């Protein structure tokens, strides 16, 4: 099973870089189960608004806004594992 993860960011956002690094590390750890991309809200504003993104960084999983702000790496990991159907932490 593969899940789609999108990190909504904006230019100059300091926390956005951290969110991308955390997600990149988790994606590497979980192997080919995570298909992720960065979404620049200035370039894809309509899409961001459609999902309900109000601030950056925000994280959507499978086209659903799950984290409207930066979660801890543990919360993100638990959510991803849950969606992958895995119980490990």
PDB file of N, CA and C in Angstrom:
ATOM      1  N   UNK A   1       0.843  -1.182   0.000  1.00  0.00           N
ATOM      2  CA  UNK A   1       0.000   0.000   0.000  1.00  0.00           C
ATOM      3  C   UNK A   1       0.889   1.246   0.000  1.00  0.00           C
ATOM      4  N   UNK A   2       0.501   2.219  -0.778  1.00  0.00           N
ATOM      5  CA  UNK A   2       1.225   3.486  -0.842  1.00  0.00           C
ATOM      6  C   UNK A   2       0.279   4.615  -0.470  1.00  0.00           C
ATOM      7  N   UNK A   3       0.772   5.567   0.301  1.00  0.00           N
ATOM      8  CA  UNK A   3      -0.046   6.723   0.639  1.00  0.00           C
ATOM      9  C   UNK A   3       0.581   7.988   0.067  1.00  0.00           C
ATOM     10  N   UNK A   4      -0.271   8.941  -0.237  1.00  0.00           N
ATOM     11  CA  UNK A   4       0.148  10.221  -0.814  1.00  0.00           C
ATOM     12  C   UNK A   4       0.218  11.255   0.310  1.00  0.00           C
ATOM     13  N   UNK A   5       1.368  11.894   0.453  1.00  0.00           N
ATOM     14  CA  UNK A   5       1.561  12.908   1.480  1.00  0.00           C
ATOM     15  C   UNK A   5       2.029  14.191   0.809  1.00  0.00           C
ATOM     16  N   UNK A   6       1.380  15.294   1.156  1.00  0.00           N
ATOM     17  CA  UNK A   6       1.748  16.589   0.597  1.00  0.00           C
ATOM     18  C   UNK A   6       2.061  17.565   1.717  1.00  0.00           C
ATOM     19  N   UNK A   7       3.192  18.245   1.591  1.00  0.00           N
ATOM     20  CA  UNK A   7       3.594  19.275   2.549  1.00  0.00           C
ATOM     21  C   UNK A   7       3.334  20.624   1.893  1.00  0.00           C
ATOM     22  N   UNK A   8       2.421  21.382   2.459  1.00  0.00           N
ATOM     23  CA  UNK A   8       2.109  22.713   1.942  1.00  0.00           C
ATOM     24  C   UNK A   8       3.063  23.703   2.579  1.00  0.00           C
ATOM     25  N   UNK A   9       3.782  24.427   1.733  1.00  0.00           N
ATOM     26  CA  UNK A   9       4.782  25.370   2.234  1.00  0.00           C
ATOM     27  C   UNK A   9       4.697  26.673   1.466  1.00  0.00           C
ATOM     28  N   UNK A  10       5.394  27.665   1.989  1.00  0.00           N
ATOM     29  CA  UNK A  10       5.476  28.957   1.315  1.00  0.00           C
ATOM     30  C   UNK A  10       6.925  29.436   1.365  1.00  0.00           C
ATOM     31  N   UNK A  11       7.330  30.226   0.381  1.00  0.00           N
ATOM     32  CA  UNK A  11       8.701  30.736   0.379  1.00  0.00           C
ATOM     33  C   UNK A  11       8.993  31.544   1.655  1.00  0.00           C
ATOM     34  N   UNK A  12      10.147  31.319   2.218  1.00  0.00           N
ATOM     35  CA  UNK A  12      10.554  32.050   3.412  1.00  0.00           C
ATOM     36  C   UNK A  12      10.038  31.471   4.716  1.00  0.00           C
ATOM     37  N   UNK A  13       9.324  30.368   4.661  1.00  0.00           N
ATOM     38  CA  UNK A  13       8.777  29.732   5.862  1.00  0.00           C
ATOM     39  C   UNK A  13       9.866  28.886   6.516  1.00  0.00           C
ATOM     40  N   UNK A  14      10.284  29.279   7.708  1.00  0.00           N
ATOM     41  CA  UNK A  14      11.345  28.559   8.409  1.00  0.00           C
ATOM     42  C   UNK A  14      10.939  27.166   8.856  1.00  0.00           C
ATOM     43  N   UNK A  15       9.714  27.018   9.310  1.00  0.00           N
ATOM     44  CA  UNK A  15       9.245  25.715   9.781  1.00  0.00           C
ATOM     45  C   UNK A  15       9.002  24.740   8.630  1.00  0.00           C
ATOM     46  N   UNK A  16       8.768  25.263   7.437  1.00  0.00           N
ATOM     47  CA  UNK A  16       8.490  24.408   6.277  1.00  0.00           C
ATOM     48  C   UNK A  16       9.685  23.517   5.945  1.00  0.00           C
ATOM     49  N   UNK A  17      10.885  24.081   6.043  1.00  0.00           N
ATOM     50  CA  UNK A  17      12.089  23.294   5.780  1.00  0.00           C
ATOM     51  C   UNK A  17      12.209  22.141   6.756  1.00  0.00           C
ATOM     52  N   UNK A  18      11.894  22.400   8.005  1.00  0.00           N
ATOM     53  CA  UNK A  18      11.942  21.354   9.023  1.00  0.00           C
ATOM     54  C   UNK A  18      10.904  20.270   8.709  1.00  0.00           C
ATOM     55  N   UNK A  19       9.702  20.673   8.327  1.00  0.00           N
ATOM     56  CA  UNK A  19       8.641  19.709   7.999  1.00  0.00           C
ATOM     57  C   UNK A  19       9.077  18.811   6.848  1.00  0.00           C
ATOM     58  N   UNK A  20       9.701  19.388   5.838  1.00  0.00           N
ATOM     59  CA  UNK A  20      10.152  18.601   4.683  1.00  0.00           C
ATOM     60  C   UNK A  20      11.246  17.618   5.082  1.00  0.00           C
ATOM     61  N   UNK A  21      12.146  18.043   5.949  1.00  0.00           N
ATOM     62  CA  UNK A  21      13.221  17.149   6.396  1.00  0.00           C
ATOM     63  C   UNK A  21      12.662  15.979   7.206  1.00  0.00           C
ATOM     64  N   UNK A  22      11.722  16.265   8.096  1.00  0.00           N
ATOM     65  CA  UNK A  22      11.103  15.208   8.903  1.00  0.00           C
ATOM     66  C   UNK A  22      10.395  14.211   7.995  1.00  0.00           C
ATOM     67  N   UNK A  23       9.628  14.719   7.035  1.00  0.00           N
ATOM     68  CA  UNK A  23       8.896  13.849   6.128  1.00  0.00           C
ATOM     69  C   UNK A  23       9.848  13.037   5.252  1.00  0.00           C
ATOM     70  N   UNK A  24      10.907  13.665   4.786  1.00  0.00           N
ATOM     71  CA  UNK A  24      11.885  12.960   3.958  1.00  0.00           C
ATOM     72  C   UNK A  24      12.508  11.803   4.739  1.00  0.00           C
ATOM     73  N   UNK A  25      12.855  12.056   5.988  1.00  0.00           N
ATOM     74  CA  UNK A  25      13.449  11.018   6.836  1.00  0.00           C
ATOM     75  C   UNK A  25      12.465   9.867   7.060  1.00  0.00           C
ATOM     76  N   UNK A  26      11.204  10.198   7.344  1.00  0.00           N
ATOM     77  CA  UNK A  26      10.200   9.162   7.556  1.00  0.00           C
ATOM     78  C   UNK A  26       9.939   8.366   6.276  1.00  0.00           C
ATOM     79  N   UNK A  27       9.902   9.052   5.151  1.00  0.00           N
ATOM     80  CA  UNK A  27       9.672   8.376   3.873  1.00  0.00           C
ATOM     81  C   UNK A  27      10.808   7.392   3.582  1.00  0.00           C
ATOM     82  N   UNK A  28      12.037   7.789   3.854  1.00  0.00           N
ATOM     83  CA  UNK A  28      13.174   6.889   3.659  1.00  0.00           C
ATOM     84  C   UNK A  28      13.083   5.691   4.593  1.00  0.00           C
ATOM     85  N   UNK A  29      12.677   5.938   5.830  1.00  0.00           N
ATOM     86  CA  UNK A  29      12.563   4.879   6.830  1.00  0.00           C
ATOM     87  C   UNK A  29      11.471   3.873   6.464  1.00  0.00           C
ATOM     88  N   UNK A  30      10.365   4.366   5.926  1.00  0.00           N
ATOM     89  CA  UNK A  30       9.225   3.496   5.626  1.00  0.00           C
ATOM     90  C   UNK A  30       9.289   2.898   4.222  1.00  0.00           C
ATOM     91  N   UNK A  31      10.311   3.232   3.482  1.00  0.00           N
ATOM     92  CA  UNK A  31      10.497   2.638   2.162  1.00  0.00           C
ATOM     93  C   UNK A  31       9.583   3.242   1.110  1.00  0.00           C
ATOM     94  N   UNK A  32       9.158   2.414   0.195  1.00  0.00           N
ATOM     95  CA  UNK A  32       8.361   2.877  -0.939  1.00  0.00           C
ATOM     96  C   UNK A  32       6.873   3.009  -0.625  1.00  0.00           C
ATOM     97  N   UNK A  33       6.524   3.132   0.623  1.00  0.00           N
ATOM     98  CA  UNK A  33       5.111   3.214   0.995  1.00  0.00           C
ATOM     99  C   UNK A  33       4.590   4.647   1.006  1.00  0.00           C
ATOM    100  N   UNK A  34       5.494   5.623   0.889  1.00  0.00           N
ATOM    101  CA  UNK A  34       5.100   7.031   0.957  1.00  0.00           C
ATOM    102  C   UNK A  34       5.487   7.735  -0.336  1.00  0.00           C
ATOM    103  N   UNK A  35       4.504   8.326  -0.970  1.00  0.00           N
ATOM    104  CA  UNK A  35       4.730   9.135  -2.160  1.00  0.00           C
ATOM    105  C   UNK A  35       4.451  10.576  -1.729  1.00  0.00           C
ATOM    106  N   UNK A  36       5.505  11.379  -1.570  1.00  0.00           N
ATOM    107  CA  UNK A  36       5.290  12.728  -1.041  1.00  0.00           C
ATOM    108  C   UNK A  36       5.814  13.789  -1.993  1.00  0.00           C
ATOM    109  N   UNK A  37       5.219  14.962  -1.828  1.00  0.00           N
ATOM    110  CA  UNK A  37       5.662  16.106  -2.625  1.00  0.00           C
ATOM    111  C   UNK A  37       5.433  17.390  -1.837  1.00  0.00           C
ATOM    112  N   UNK A  38       6.203  18.401  -2.226  1.00  0.00           N
ATOM    113  CA  UNK A  38       6.051  19.730  -1.638  1.00  0.00           C
ATOM    114  C   UNK A  38       5.084  20.518  -2.509  1.00  0.00           C
ATOM    115  N   UNK A  39       4.145  21.202  -1.878  1.00  0.00           N
ATOM    116  CA  UNK A  39       3.182  22.038  -2.585  1.00  0.00           C
ATOM    117  C   UNK A  39       3.433  23.487  -2.171  1.00  0.00           C
ATOM    118  N   UNK A  40       3.869  24.300  -3.108  1.00  0.00           N
ATOM    119  CA  UNK A  40       4.066  25.729  -2.857  1.00  0.00           C
ATOM    120  C   UNK A  40       2.689  26.383  -2.944  1.00  0.00           C
ATOM    121  N   UNK A  41       2.204  26.923  -1.830  1.00  0.00           N
ATOM    122  CA  UNK A  41       0.838  27.459  -1.843  1.00  0.00           C
ATOM    123  C   UNK A  41       0.691  28.670  -2.749  1.00  0.00           C
ATOM    124  N   UNK A  42       1.773  29.366  -3.040  1.00  0.00           N
ATOM    125  CA  UNK A  42       1.683  30.499  -3.950  1.00  0.00           C
ATOM    126  C   UNK A  42       1.456  30.038  -5.389  1.00  0.00           C
ATOM    127  N   UNK A  43       1.963  28.861  -5.719  1.00  0.00           N
ATOM    128  CA  UNK A  43       1.800  28.323  -7.063  1.00  0.00           C
ATOM    129  C   UNK A  43       0.526  27.496  -7.210  1.00  0.00           C
ATOM    130  N   UNK A  44       0.052  26.925  -6.109  1.00  0.00           N
ATOM    131  CA  UNK A  44      -1.130  26.070  -6.155  1.00  0.00           C
ATOM    132  C   UNK A  44      -2.150  26.525  -5.107  1.00  0.00           C
ATOM    133  N   UNK A  45      -2.430  27.821  -5.109  1.00  0.00           N
ATOM    134  CA  UNK A  45      -3.309  28.418  -4.110  1.00  0.00           C
ATOM    135  C   UNK A  45      -4.716  27.821  -4.132  1.00  0.00           C
ATOM    136  N   UNK A  46      -5.293  27.635  -5.313  1.00  0.00           N
ATOM    137  CA  UNK A  46      -6.643  27.081  -5.396  1.00  0.00           C
ATOM    138  C   UNK A  46      -6.723  25.689  -4.770  1.00  0.00           C
ATOM    139  N   UNK A  47      -5.720  24.868  -5.035  1.00  0.00           N
ATOM    140  CA  UNK A  47      -5.682  23.521  -4.467  1.00  0.00           C
ATOM    141  C   UNK A  47      -5.549  23.585  -2.941  1.00  0.00           C
ATOM    142  N   UNK A  48      -4.678  24.463  -2.457  1.00  0.00           N
ATOM    143  CA  UNK A  48      -4.492  24.606  -1.010  1.00  0.00           C
ATOM    144  C   UNK A  48      -5.786  25.050  -0.334  1.00  0.00           C
ATOM    145  N   UNK A  49      -6.472  26.017  -0.931  1.00  0.00           N
ATOM    146  CA  UNK A  49      -7.733  26.505  -0.368  1.00  0.00           C
ATOM    147  C   UNK A  49      -8.788  25.402  -0.390  1.00  0.00           C
ATOM    148  N   UNK A  50      -8.817  24.640  -1.467  1.00  0.00           N
ATOM    149  CA  UNK A  50      -9.775  23.535  -1.596  1.00  0.00           C
ATOM    150  C   UNK A  50      -9.638  22.532  -0.454  1.00  0.00           C
ATOM    151  N   UNK A  51      -8.389  22.281  -0.021  1.00  0.00           N
ATOM    152  CA  UNK A  51      -8.163  21.343   1.085  1.00  0.00           C
ATOM    153  C   UNK A  51      -8.317  21.993   2.459  1.00  0.00           C
ATOM    154  N   UNK A  52      -8.396  23.314   2.509  1.00  0.00           N
ATOM    155  CA  UNK A  52      -8.567  23.997   3.783  1.00  0.00           C
ATOM    156  C   UNK A  52      -7.288  24.457   4.435  1.00  0.00           C
ATOM    157  N   UNK A  53      -6.212  24.553   3.685  1.00  0.00           N
ATOM    158  CA  UNK A  53      -4.927  25.005   4.227  1.00  0.00           C
ATOM    159  C   UNK A  53      -5.022  26.492   4.556  1.00  0.00           C
ATOM    160  N   UNK A  54      -4.755  26.832   5.815  1.00  0.00           N
ATOM    161  CA  UNK A  54      -4.798  28.221   6.262  1.00  0.00           C
ATOM    162  C   UNK A  54      -3.423  28.757   6.644  1.00  0.00           C
ATOM    163  N   UNK A  55      -2.491  27.851   6.891  1.00  0.00           N
ATOM    164  CA  UNK A  55      -1.144  28.277   7.271  1.00  0.00           C
ATOM    165  C   UNK A  55      -0.143  27.221   6.822  1.00  0.00           C
ATOM    166  N   UNK A  56       1.113  27.607   6.840  1.00  0.00           N
ATOM    167  CA  UNK A  56       2.168  26.663   6.476  1.00  0.00           C
ATOM    168  C   UNK A  56       3.111  26.472   7.647  1.00  0.00           C
ATOM    169  N   UNK A  57       3.701  25.313   7.772  1.00  0.00           N
ATOM    170  CA  UNK A  57       3.466  24.134   6.967  1.00  0.00           C
ATOM    171  C   UNK A  57       2.210  23.391   7.400  1.00  0.00           C
ATOM    172  N   UNK A  58       1.539  22.817   6.439  1.00  0.00           N
ATOM    173  CA  UNK A  58       0.394  21.943   6.667  1.00  0.00           C
ATOM    174  C   UNK A  58       0.668  20.646   5.928  1.00  0.00           C
ATOM    175  N   UNK A  59       0.063  19.567   6.396  1.00  0.00           N
ATOM    176  CA  UNK A  59       0.299  18.267   5.777  1.00  0.00           C
ATOM    177  C   UNK A  59      -1.026  17.587   5.460  1.00  0.00           C
ATOM    178  N   UNK A  60      -1.156  17.187   4.201  1.00  0.00           N
ATOM    179  CA  UNK A  60      -2.328  16.439   3.750  1.00  0.00           C
ATOM    180  C   UNK A  60      -1.902  15.011   3.446  1.00  0.00           C
ATOM    181  N   UNK A  61      -2.780  14.082   3.788  1.00  0.00           N
ATOM    182  CA  UNK A  61      -2.533  12.673   3.492  1.00  0.00           C
ATOM    183  C   UNK A  61      -3.717  12.165   2.686  1.00  0.00           C
ATOM    184  N   UNK A  62      -3.412  11.595   1.531  1.00  0.00           N
ATOM    185  CA  UNK A  62      -4.445  11.085   0.621  1.00  0.00           C
ATOM    186  C   UNK A  62      -5.539  12.116   0.372  1.00  0.00           C
ATOM    187  N   UNK A  63      -5.121  13.334   0.026  1.00  0.00           N
ATOM    188  CA  UNK A  63      -6.026  14.437  -0.337  1.00  0.00           C
ATOM    189  C   UNK A  63      -6.924  14.912   0.804  1.00  0.00           C
ATOM    190  N   UNK A  64      -6.498  14.692   2.039  1.00  0.00           N
ATOM    191  CA  UNK A  64      -7.239  15.158   3.216  1.00  0.00           C
ATOM    192  C   UNK A  64      -6.271  15.923   4.121  1.00  0.00           C
ATOM    193  N   UNK A  65      -6.639  17.141   4.503  1.00  0.00           N
ATOM    194  CA  UNK A  65      -5.802  17.923   5.406  1.00  0.00           C
ATOM    195  C   UNK A  65      -5.848  17.278   6.781  1.00  0.00           C
ATOM    196  N   UNK A  66      -4.731  16.703   7.188  1.00  0.00           N
ATOM    197  CA  UNK A  66      -4.664  15.978   8.468  1.00  0.00           C
ATOM    198  C   UNK A  66      -3.998  16.830   9.542  1.00  0.00           C
ATOM    199  N   UNK A  67      -2.958  17.556   9.161  1.00  0.00           N
ATOM    200  CA  UNK A  67      -2.239  18.409  10.099  1.00  0.00           C
ATOM    201  C   UNK A  67      -2.259  19.841   9.570  1.00  0.00           C
ATOM    202  N   UNK A  68      -3.118  20.708  10.133  1.00  0.00           N
ATOM    203  CA  UNK A  68      -3.182  22.097   9.677  1.00  0.00           C
ATOM    204  C   UNK A  68      -1.978  22.933  10.128  1.00  0.00           C
ATOM    205  N   UNK A  69      -1.145  22.352  10.968  1.00  0.00           N
ATOM    206  CA  UNK A  69       0.106  22.985  11.357  1.00  0.00           C
ATOM    207  C   UNK A  69       1.135  21.887  11.585  1.00  0.00           C
ATOM    208  N   UNK A  70       2.352  22.257  11.863  1.00  0.00           N
ATOM    209  CA  UNK A  70       3.449  21.299  11.957  1.00  0.00           C
ATOM    210  C   UNK A  70       3.265  20.343  13.135  1.00  0.00           C
ATOM    211  N   UNK A  71       3.128  19.036  12.855  1.00  0.00           N
ATOM    212  CA  UNK A  71       3.032  18.064  13.947  1.00  0.00           C
ATOM    213  C   UNK A  71       4.433  17.675  14.415  1.00  0.00           C
ATOM    214  N   UNK A  72       4.493  17.050  15.564  1.00  0.00           N
ATOM    215  CA  UNK A  72       5.782  16.496  15.996  1.00  0.00           C
ATOM    216  C   UNK A  72       6.104  15.330  15.073  1.00  0.00           C
ATOM    217  N   UNK A  73       7.373  14.982  14.978  1.00  0.00           N
ATOM    218  CA  UNK A  73       7.743  13.873  14.106  1.00  0.00           C
ATOM    219  C   UNK A  73       7.096  12.577  14.587  1.00  0.00           C
ATOM    220  N   UNK A  74       6.914  12.441  15.906  1.00  0.00           N
ATOM    221  CA  UNK A  74       6.276  11.229  16.441  1.00  0.00           C
ATOM    222  C   UNK A  74       4.814  11.157  16.006  1.00  0.00           C
ATOM    223  N   UNK A  75       4.076  12.274  16.096  1.00  0.00           N
ATOM    224  CA  UNK A  75       2.670  12.273  15.675  1.00  0.00           C
ATOM    225  C   UNK A  75       2.544  11.956  14.195  1.00  0.00           C
ATOM    226  N   UNK A  76       3.431  12.529  13.391  1.00  0.00           N
ATOM    227  CA  UNK A  76       3.391  12.273  11.961  1.00  0.00           C
ATOM    228  C   UNK A  76       3.694  10.805  11.678  1.00  0.00           C
ATOM    229  N   UNK A  77       4.684  10.273  12.344  1.00  0.00           N
ATOM    230  CA  UNK A  77       5.060   8.860  12.165  1.00  0.00           C
ATOM    231  C   UNK A  77       3.913   7.937  12.546  1.00  0.00           C
ATOM    232  N   UNK A  78       3.282   8.193  13.693  1.00  0.00           N
ATOM    233  CA  UNK A  78       2.159   7.370  14.147  1.00  0.00           C
ATOM    234  C   UNK A  78       1.011   7.426  13.142  1.00  0.00           C
ATOM    235  N   UNK A  79       0.707   8.614  12.632  1.00  0.00           N
ATOM    236  CA  UNK A  79      -0.370   8.766  11.655  1.00  0.00           C
ATOM    237  C   UNK A  79      -0.056   8.008  10.368  1.00  0.00           C
ATOM    238  N   UNK A  80       1.164   8.123   9.885  1.00  0.00           N
ATOM    239  CA  UNK A  80       1.539   7.423   8.657  1.00  0.00           C
ATOM    240  C   UNK A  80       1.482   5.910   8.842  1.00  0.00           C
ATOM    241  N   UNK A  81       1.994   5.428   9.955  1.00  0.00           N
ATOM    242  CA  UNK A  81       1.955   3.993  10.220  1.00  0.00           C
ATOM    243  C   UNK A  81       0.517   3.499  10.356  1.00  0.00           C
ATOM    244  N   UNK A  82      -0.316   4.288  10.989  1.00  0.00           N
ATOM    245  CA  UNK A  82      -1.726   3.931  11.143  1.00  0.00           C
ATOM    246  C   UNK A  82      -2.394   3.792   9.781  1.00  0.00           C
ATOM    247  N   UNK A  83      -2.122   4.734   8.908  1.00  0.00           N
ATOM    248  CA  UNK A  83      -2.727   4.696   7.569  1.00  0.00           C
ATOM    249  C   UNK A  83      -2.158   3.569   6.714  1.00  0.00           C
ATOM    250  N   UNK A  84      -0.967   3.146   7.035  1.00  0.00           N
ATOM    251  CA  UNK A  84      -0.369   2.023   6.321  1.00  0.00           C
ATOM    252  C   UNK A  84      -0.802   0.685   6.916  1.00  0.00           C
ATOM    253  N   UNK A  85      -1.545   0.755   8.037  1.00  0.00           N
ATOM    254  CA  UNK A  85      -2.021  -0.464   8.672  1.00  0.00           C
ATOM    255  C   UNK A  85      -0.968  -1.172   9.489  1.00  0.00           C
ATOM    256  N   UNK A  86      -0.019  -0.406   9.989  1.00  0.00           N
ATOM    257  CA  UNK A  86       1.058  -0.997  10.793  1.00  0.00           C
ATOM    258  C   UNK A  86       0.915  -0.512  12.228  1.00  0.00           C
ATOM    259  N   UNK A  87       1.218  -1.386  13.164  1.00  0.00           N
ATOM    260  CA  UNK A  87       1.058  -1.045  14.585  1.00  0.00           C
ATOM    261  C   UNK A  87       2.341  -0.614  15.262  1.00  0.00           C
ATOM    262  N   UNK A  88       3.453  -0.708  14.577  1.00  0.00           N
ATOM    263  CA  UNK A  88       4.707  -0.341  15.250  1.00  0.00           C
ATOM    264  C   UNK A  88       4.806   1.162  15.425  1.00  0.00           C
ATOM    265  N   UNK A  89       5.591   1.595  16.363  1.00  0.00           N
ATOM    266  CA  UNK A  89       5.724   3.024  16.661  1.00  0.00           C
ATOM    267  C   UNK A  89       7.101   3.514  16.435  1.00  0.00           C
TER     268      UNK A  89
END
